Protein backbone atom coordinates (compact mmCIF):
# COMPACT_ATOMS: atom_id res chain seq x y z
CA MET A 1 0.00 0.00 0.00
CA ASP A 2 1.01 3.57 -0.67
CA LYS A 3 0.07 5.80 2.29
CA ASP A 4 -0.53 8.79 -0.01
CA CYS A 5 -2.63 6.94 -2.62
CA LEU A 6 -6.37 7.69 -2.75
CA PHE A 7 -7.27 4.17 -3.90
CA CYS A 8 -5.05 2.54 -1.26
CA LYS A 9 -6.94 4.60 1.35
CA ILE A 10 -10.28 3.46 -0.12
CA ILE A 11 -9.15 -0.19 -0.04
CA ALA A 12 -8.03 0.22 3.59
CA GLY A 13 -11.42 1.71 4.53
CA GLU A 14 -9.92 5.09 5.44
CA ILE A 15 -12.07 6.79 2.79
CA PRO A 16 -15.66 5.62 2.24
CA SER A 17 -16.75 4.13 -1.06
CA ALA A 18 -19.75 2.32 -2.52
CA LYS A 19 -18.21 -1.14 -2.72
CA VAL A 20 -19.56 -3.48 -5.40
CA TYR A 21 -17.02 -6.33 -5.09
CA GLU A 22 -14.12 -7.48 -2.96
CA ASP A 23 -11.92 -10.54 -2.76
CA ASP A 24 -8.36 -11.17 -1.60
CA ALA A 25 -6.81 -9.44 -4.65
CA VAL A 26 -9.41 -7.00 -6.04
CA PHE A 27 -11.57 -4.16 -4.74
CA ALA A 28 -14.32 -2.62 -6.89
CA PHE A 29 -16.47 0.42 -6.17
CA LYS A 30 -18.77 2.91 -7.87
CA ASP A 31 -17.06 5.85 -9.57
CA ILE A 32 -17.94 9.14 -7.86
CA SER A 33 -18.11 10.90 -11.25
CA PRO A 34 -19.83 8.34 -13.49
CA ILE A 35 -19.80 8.76 -17.25
CA ALA A 36 -22.50 6.11 -17.76
CA PRO A 37 -25.42 4.74 -15.71
CA THR A 38 -23.14 1.91 -14.54
CA HIS A 39 -19.56 2.98 -13.83
CA TYR A 40 -17.37 0.91 -11.52
CA LEU A 41 -13.64 1.01 -10.79
CA PHE A 42 -11.74 -2.26 -10.33
CA VAL A 43 -8.39 -1.93 -8.55
CA PRO A 44 -5.77 -4.39 -7.33
CA LYS A 45 -5.34 -4.45 -3.57
CA THR A 46 -1.62 -4.10 -4.05
CA HIS A 47 -0.31 -0.75 -5.22
CA ILE A 48 0.75 -0.75 -8.88
CA CYS A 49 0.95 2.78 -10.25
CA CYS A 50 -0.15 2.12 -13.83
CA ALA A 51 -0.32 -0.36 -16.72
CA LYS A 52 3.25 0.56 -17.63
CA LYS A 53 4.39 -1.08 -14.37
CA ILE A 54 2.72 -4.48 -14.94
CA THR A 55 5.37 -7.20 -14.73
CA ALA A 56 5.58 -10.98 -14.66
CA GLU A 57 5.58 -10.72 -10.85
CA ASN A 58 2.34 -8.68 -10.57
CA SER A 59 0.38 -9.48 -13.75
CA GLN A 60 -1.81 -11.96 -11.86
CA TYR A 61 -3.67 -8.93 -10.47
CA VAL A 62 -4.80 -7.97 -13.97
CA ALA A 63 -6.17 -11.49 -14.50
CA LYS A 64 -7.95 -11.32 -11.12
CA ILE A 65 -9.46 -7.96 -12.06
CA PHE A 66 -10.87 -9.32 -15.32
CA GLU A 67 -12.23 -12.36 -13.46
CA ALA A 68 -13.93 -9.96 -11.03
CA ILE A 69 -15.34 -7.92 -13.91
CA ALA A 70 -16.85 -11.10 -15.37
CA LYS A 71 -18.37 -12.05 -11.98
CA VAL A 72 -19.87 -8.61 -11.35
CA SER A 73 -21.26 -8.30 -14.89
CA GLU A 74 -22.87 -11.75 -14.52
CA GLN A 75 -24.30 -11.02 -11.06
CA GLU A 76 -25.73 -7.69 -12.19
CA ASN A 77 -26.91 -9.00 -15.56
CA ILE A 78 -24.76 -6.49 -17.46
CA GLU A 79 -24.76 -7.85 -21.01
CA SER A 80 -22.75 -5.17 -22.78
CA TYR A 81 -20.01 -3.03 -21.32
CA ARG A 82 -16.69 -1.33 -21.96
CA VAL A 83 -13.52 -1.73 -19.89
CA ILE A 84 -11.14 1.24 -19.95
CA ASN A 85 -7.63 1.72 -18.58
CA ASN A 86 -5.81 5.04 -18.74
CA CYS A 87 -2.02 4.99 -18.32
CA GLY A 88 -0.43 8.34 -17.44
CA GLU A 89 -1.74 11.85 -17.00
CA ASP A 90 -1.97 12.67 -20.72
CA ALA A 91 -4.17 9.59 -21.18
CA GLY A 92 -6.50 10.77 -18.42
CA GLN A 93 -5.20 8.79 -15.42
CA SER A 94 -5.90 11.00 -12.41
CA VAL A 95 -5.13 8.49 -9.63
CA MET A 96 -1.77 6.78 -9.99
CA HIS A 97 -2.98 3.33 -8.93
CA LEU A 98 -3.72 0.79 -11.65
CA HIS A 99 -7.47 0.65 -12.24
CA PHE A 100 -9.99 -0.39 -14.83
CA HIS A 101 -13.30 1.35 -15.47
CA LEU A 102 -16.33 -0.79 -16.27
CA VAL A 103 -18.92 1.40 -17.99
CA ALA A 104 -22.34 0.24 -19.14
CA GLY A 105 -25.97 1.18 -19.40
CA LYS A 106 -25.89 3.35 -22.51
CA LYS A 107 -25.08 2.98 -26.17
CA MET A 108 -21.47 3.89 -26.79
CA GLY A 109 -19.74 5.06 -29.91
CA TRP A 110 -16.05 5.25 -30.65
CA GLY A 111 -13.79 8.20 -29.87
CA GLU A 112 -12.85 10.34 -26.93
CA GLN A 113 -16.19 12.17 -26.74
CA SER A 114 -18.42 9.12 -27.10
CA LEU A 115 -18.77 8.43 -23.36
CA GLY A 116 -19.16 11.90 -21.91
């Protein structure tokens, strides 16, 4: 854990969140600024700053996240969704803790303005 990381504080329960899923490796919660009717964030419980820092030693967390996404989408009967990862500030990453957005509940196009 990174003591200064917003998502690490959410995982630790220091900052409240609307949890939608948790297991030993993954924590998922509702985004506080949703861009679609369903908008969840899936984060590894270990601090990895971004996709650029995924290695052979920590890549199992990405697999666990996608397994969790499949479970949540099945449990909530979400048939169609998009998974988004931003890596770095210029790509739109505002919290430097690896995370994946699950967005659903509206028809989506392609391009940077299609979700807003």
